[in-house]
Amino acid sequence: MFTPLGQKKSLTQQVEFELTQAIRTGKYLPGNKIPTENELCQIFNVSRTSVREAVKKMSAKGIVDVKRGSGVYVQEISIKNASEVLNMFFELSSNKNVIFQTISTRLIVEPALAAQAAKCRNEEHLAILQNNMIQMRNCDLYDKEKETELDNDFHRTILSISNNSVLTLLLSPIFNLMPKFKSTIYVKPTEGNIQKDKEILLNHHEHIRQAIIQNDEQKAATAMREHILETQSNYVKSIVNE
């Protein structure tokens, strides 16, 4: 079932690779119990430490579920645990290039989402977007945590209209990243006027909302693109000014 272990990777890495491959190829299905620690030590001819570290890494990735007193089982792969891995990556990353690439990803994906929203929205969606705009306008100018939450909700609502679980998986961690970098990316004043900065944000959201109300797919995509370009420009300026 498993291939002989070589010397190019650490023993832990090799054990993890072999077990993961066995799961990917269907030798162990979701819910199946994998061999015990003792059995894996014998199979791979490695120490308990190597096996434990391999299982620990697989557990952190959501591949297996360690149940005390019972054993190690192949995890049911779901949108939730897959998204958690992506969330962890973004939360731990402080690489400026990753942040810029994240914004670039939004620039590619979100205009298409806005167009889809303009095509598929219903009255309930429109009511949610309208309520979001009201709350955003009434939000305290200096309550950036609340403002970020409302900003997220606006974009999440547009995402939800697509009713696409894969897009939700890919974009939710990106939206979750927003609070961490809010001060430098999304609302950092470029001219020292936070009121003006907020008005710019509100105007972008309103242009997107109006296009969605009008079922104008092209207009919605253009408005979203302009919004993300503004975000990208602010981030570039924040880097230059550091």
Protein backbone atom coordinates (compact mmCIF):
# COMPACT_ATOMS: atom_id res chain seq x y z
CA MET A 1 0.00 0.00 0.00
CA PHE A 2 2.84 2.38 0.83
CA THR A 3 6.10 3.03 -1.05
CA PRO A 4 9.55 2.68 0.57
CA LEU A 5 10.76 5.78 2.34
CA GLY A 6 13.70 7.64 0.84
CA GLN A 7 16.09 10.23 2.19
CA LYS A 8 15.12 13.48 0.41
CA LYS A 9 12.60 14.49 3.06
CA SER A 10 12.54 14.10 6.82
CA LEU A 11 10.96 10.90 8.09
CA THR A 12 8.02 12.89 9.44
CA GLN A 13 7.45 14.50 6.04
CA GLN A 14 7.67 11.16 4.29
CA VAL A 15 5.17 9.52 6.63
CA GLU A 16 2.80 12.45 6.22
CA PHE A 17 3.15 12.31 2.43
CA GLU A 18 2.50 8.57 2.24
CA LEU A 19 -0.54 8.70 4.50
CA THR A 20 -1.96 11.71 2.68
CA GLN A 21 -1.49 10.00 -0.69
CA ALA A 22 -3.24 6.89 0.60
CA ILE A 23 -6.21 9.05 1.60
CA ARG A 24 -6.22 10.98 -1.68
CA THR A 25 -6.28 7.80 -3.73
CA GLY A 26 -9.16 6.35 -1.72
CA LYS A 27 -7.28 3.67 0.19
CA TYR A 28 -8.70 5.24 3.33
CA LEU A 29 -12.11 6.88 2.93
CA PRO A 30 -13.67 9.64 5.08
CA GLY A 31 -14.60 8.12 8.42
CA ASN A 32 -12.14 5.23 8.06
CA LYS A 33 -9.63 4.57 10.82
CA ILE A 34 -6.00 4.55 9.72
CA PRO A 35 -3.45 2.07 11.19
CA THR A 36 -2.50 2.53 14.82
CA GLU A 37 0.67 4.27 15.90
CA ASN A 38 2.42 0.94 16.51
CA GLU A 39 1.32 -0.37 13.12
CA LEU A 40 2.56 2.75 11.34
CA CYS A 41 5.91 2.50 13.10
CA GLN A 42 6.28 -1.05 11.79
CA ILE A 43 5.00 -0.20 8.29
CA PHE A 44 7.42 2.69 7.81
CA ASN A 45 10.16 1.43 10.13
CA VAL A 46 10.29 4.78 11.92
CA SER A 47 10.04 5.99 15.50
CA ARG A 48 6.86 6.92 17.35
CA THR A 49 8.01 10.54 17.24
CA SER A 50 8.01 10.63 13.45
CA VAL A 51 4.55 9.06 13.29
CA ARG A 52 3.11 11.36 15.95
CA GLU A 53 4.48 14.48 14.28
CA ALA A 54 3.13 13.36 10.89
CA VAL A 55 -0.33 12.74 12.34
CA LYS A 56 -0.20 16.04 14.20
CA LYS A 57 0.54 17.93 10.97
CA MET A 58 -2.26 16.11 9.15
CA SER A 59 -4.66 16.89 11.96
CA ALA A 60 -3.75 20.61 11.80
CA LYS A 61 -4.55 20.56 8.08
CA GLY A 62 -7.94 18.96 8.70
CA ILE A 63 -7.02 15.73 6.92
CA VAL A 64 -7.48 13.46 9.93
CA ASP A 65 -9.34 13.62 13.22
CA VAL A 66 -7.55 12.34 16.33
CA LYS A 67 -10.02 10.82 18.80
CA ARG A 68 -8.53 10.10 22.22
CA GLY A 69 -8.84 6.47 23.24
CA SER A 70 -10.22 5.53 19.84
CA GLY A 71 -7.69 6.26 17.11
CA VAL A 72 -7.08 8.45 14.09
CA TYR A 73 -9.81 8.78 11.47
CA VAL A 74 -9.92 10.30 8.01
CA GLN A 75 -11.68 13.64 8.30
CA GLU A 76 -14.81 14.43 6.34
CA ILE A 77 -13.59 17.18 4.03
CA SER A 78 -16.05 20.04 4.23
CA ILE A 79 -16.27 23.69 3.27
CA LYS A 80 -15.89 24.55 6.96
CA ASN A 81 -12.59 22.78 7.72
CA ALA A 82 -11.12 23.65 4.32
CA SER A 83 -11.93 27.29 4.96
CA GLU A 84 -10.35 27.11 8.42
CA VAL A 85 -7.00 26.16 6.87
CA LEU A 86 -7.16 29.16 4.54
CA ASN A 87 -8.18 31.38 7.44
CA MET A 88 -5.12 30.29 9.39
CA PHE A 89 -2.85 31.06 6.43
CA PHE A 90 -4.16 34.60 6.03
CA GLU A 91 -4.25 35.31 9.76
CA LEU A 92 -0.62 34.31 10.23
CA SER A 93 0.65 36.02 7.10
CA SER A 94 2.12 39.51 7.31
CA ASN A 95 3.83 39.36 3.93
CA LYS A 96 3.09 42.57 2.03
CA ASN A 97 3.17 40.75 -1.29
CA VAL A 98 0.49 38.35 -0.04
CA ILE A 99 -1.68 41.31 0.91
CA PHE A 100 -1.23 42.90 -2.52
CA GLN A 101 -2.01 39.59 -4.23
CA THR A 102 -5.11 39.28 -2.07
CA ILE A 103 -6.37 42.63 -3.32
CA SER A 104 -5.49 41.61 -6.89
CA THR A 105 -7.55 38.46 -6.43
CA ARG A 106 -10.51 40.54 -5.32
CA LEU A 107 -10.03 42.70 -8.41
CA ILE A 108 -10.38 39.62 -10.62
CA VAL A 109 -13.26 37.92 -8.81
CA GLU A 110 -15.50 40.53 -7.20
CA PRO A 111 -16.53 42.45 -10.36
CA ALA A 112 -17.87 39.16 -11.73
CA LEU A 113 -19.69 38.56 -8.44
CA ALA A 114 -21.27 42.01 -8.62
CA ALA A 115 -22.45 41.29 -12.17
CA GLN A 116 -23.91 37.98 -11.01
CA ALA A 117 -25.63 39.75 -8.13
CA ALA A 118 -27.21 42.26 -10.53
CA LYS A 119 -28.56 39.36 -12.55
CA CYS A 120 -29.79 37.10 -9.73
CA ARG A 121 -30.70 39.38 -6.81
CA ASN A 122 -34.15 39.30 -5.24
CA GLU A 123 -36.05 41.74 -3.06
CA GLU A 124 -34.64 40.24 0.12
CA HIS A 125 -31.07 40.79 -1.10
CA LEU A 126 -31.88 44.40 -1.97
CA ALA A 127 -33.37 44.99 1.47
CA ILE A 128 -30.25 43.61 3.15
CA LEU A 129 -27.99 45.86 1.06
CA GLN A 130 -30.16 48.89 1.81
CA ASN A 131 -30.08 48.18 5.54
CA ASN A 132 -26.31 47.77 5.36
CA MET A 133 -25.95 51.21 3.74
CA ILE A 134 -28.13 52.79 6.46
CA GLN A 135 -26.04 51.20 9.21
CA MET A 136 -22.81 52.20 7.50
CA ARG A 137 -23.88 55.84 7.23
CA ASN A 138 -24.96 55.88 10.87
CA CYS A 139 -21.79 54.17 12.10
CA ASP A 140 -19.60 56.27 14.36
CA LEU A 141 -16.80 57.77 12.31
CA TYR A 142 -14.15 56.47 14.71
CA ASP A 143 -15.65 53.00 15.25
CA LYS A 144 -13.44 51.29 12.69
CA GLU A 145 -14.20 47.82 14.04
CA LYS A 146 -17.92 48.25 13.38
CA GLU A 147 -17.26 49.90 10.04
CA THR A 148 -15.09 46.99 8.98
CA GLU A 149 -17.80 44.54 10.02
CA LEU A 150 -20.39 46.39 7.95
CA ASP A 151 -18.00 46.64 5.01
CA ASN A 152 -17.50 42.87 5.21
CA ASP A 153 -21.26 42.30 5.39
CA PHE A 154 -21.80 44.33 2.21
CA HIS A 155 -19.34 42.21 0.24
CA ARG A 156 -20.52 38.96 1.83
CA THR A 157 -24.10 39.72 0.81
CA ILE A 158 -23.01 40.14 -2.80
CA LEU A 159 -21.07 36.88 -2.52
CA SER A 160 -24.08 35.07 -1.03
CA ILE A 161 -26.26 35.97 -4.01
CA SER A 162 -24.10 33.69 -6.18
CA ASN A 163 -25.08 30.75 -3.94
CA ASN A 164 -21.73 29.13 -4.76
CA SER A 165 -20.08 27.23 -1.92
CA VAL A 166 -16.70 27.09 -3.67
CA LEU A 167 -16.58 30.87 -4.05
CA THR A 168 -17.60 31.18 -0.41
CA LEU A 169 -14.72 28.89 0.55
CA LEU A 170 -12.21 30.92 -1.46
CA LEU A 171 -13.35 34.42 -0.56
CA SER A 172 -14.44 34.14 3.08
CA PRO A 173 -10.84 33.98 4.38
CA ILE A 174 -10.03 37.04 2.26
CA PHE A 175 -12.91 38.96 3.81
CA ASN A 176 -11.79 37.77 7.25
CA LEU A 177 -8.39 39.32 6.55
CA MET A 178 -9.89 42.80 6.20
CA PRO A 179 -10.02 43.72 9.91
CA LYS A 180 -6.35 42.86 10.38
CA PHE A 181 -5.23 45.35 7.74
CA LYS A 182 -8.13 47.80 7.87
CA SER A 183 -6.03 50.70 9.09
CA THR A 184 -3.46 50.40 6.30
CA ILE A 185 -5.50 49.09 3.39
CA TYR A 186 -9.15 49.95 3.48
CA VAL A 187 -9.75 53.19 5.30
CA LYS A 188 -6.38 54.72 5.95
CA PRO A 189 -6.81 58.40 5.13
CA THR A 190 -4.52 59.45 2.29
CA GLU A 191 -5.13 63.16 2.94
CA GLY A 192 -5.74 63.13 6.68
CA ASN A 193 -9.55 63.45 6.30
CA ILE A 194 -11.34 60.37 7.64
CA GLN A 195 -14.79 61.82 6.90
CA LYS A 196 -13.89 62.23 3.25
CA ASP A 197 -12.40 58.74 3.24
CA LYS A 198 -15.63 57.26 4.60
CA GLU A 199 -17.70 59.13 2.01
CA ILE A 200 -15.57 57.64 -0.75
CA LEU A 201 -16.23 54.17 0.62
CA LEU A 202 -19.97 54.85 0.90
CA ASN A 203 -20.13 56.22 -2.64
CA HIS A 204 -18.48 53.11 -4.02
CA HIS A 205 -20.94 50.87 -2.17
CA GLU A 206 -23.90 52.96 -3.30
CA HIS A 207 -22.84 52.84 -6.96
CA ILE A 208 -22.56 49.06 -6.72
CA ARG A 209 -25.93 48.81 -4.96
CA GLN A 210 -27.72 50.97 -7.51
CA ALA A 211 -26.35 48.90 -10.39
CA ILE A 212 -27.57 45.73 -8.66
CA ILE A 213 -31.03 47.30 -8.14
CA GLN A 214 -31.15 48.16 -11.86
CA ASN A 215 -30.13 44.63 -12.92
CA ASP A 216 -27.25 46.26 -14.79
CA GLU A 217 -24.54 43.60 -14.83
CA GLN A 218 -21.93 45.68 -16.67
CA LYS A 219 -22.46 48.71 -14.48
CA ALA A 220 -22.23 46.58 -11.33
CA ALA A 221 -18.97 44.99 -12.49
CA THR A 222 -17.49 48.38 -13.37
CA ALA A 223 -18.52 49.92 -10.04
CA MET A 224 -17.00 47.02 -8.10
CA ARG A 225 -13.81 47.20 -10.14
CA GLU A 226 -13.46 50.91 -9.37
CA HIS A 227 -14.01 50.17 -5.68
CA ILE A 228 -11.28 47.52 -5.55
CA LEU A 229 -8.91 49.71 -7.58
CA GLU A 230 -9.36 52.41 -4.94
CA THR A 231 -8.47 49.86 -2.28
CA GLN A 232 -5.40 48.80 -4.24
CA SER A 233 -4.31 52.41 -4.70
CA ASN A 234 -4.67 53.15 -0.97
CA TYR A 235 -2.59 50.12 -0.10
CA VAL A 236 0.19 51.09 -2.49
CA LYS A 237 0.22 54.60 -0.98
CA SER A 238 0.35 53.16 2.53
CA ILE A 239 3.48 51.18 1.61
CA VAL A 240 5.18 54.19 0.05
CA ASN A 241 4.43 56.34 3.10
CA GLU A 242 5.88 53.84 5.61
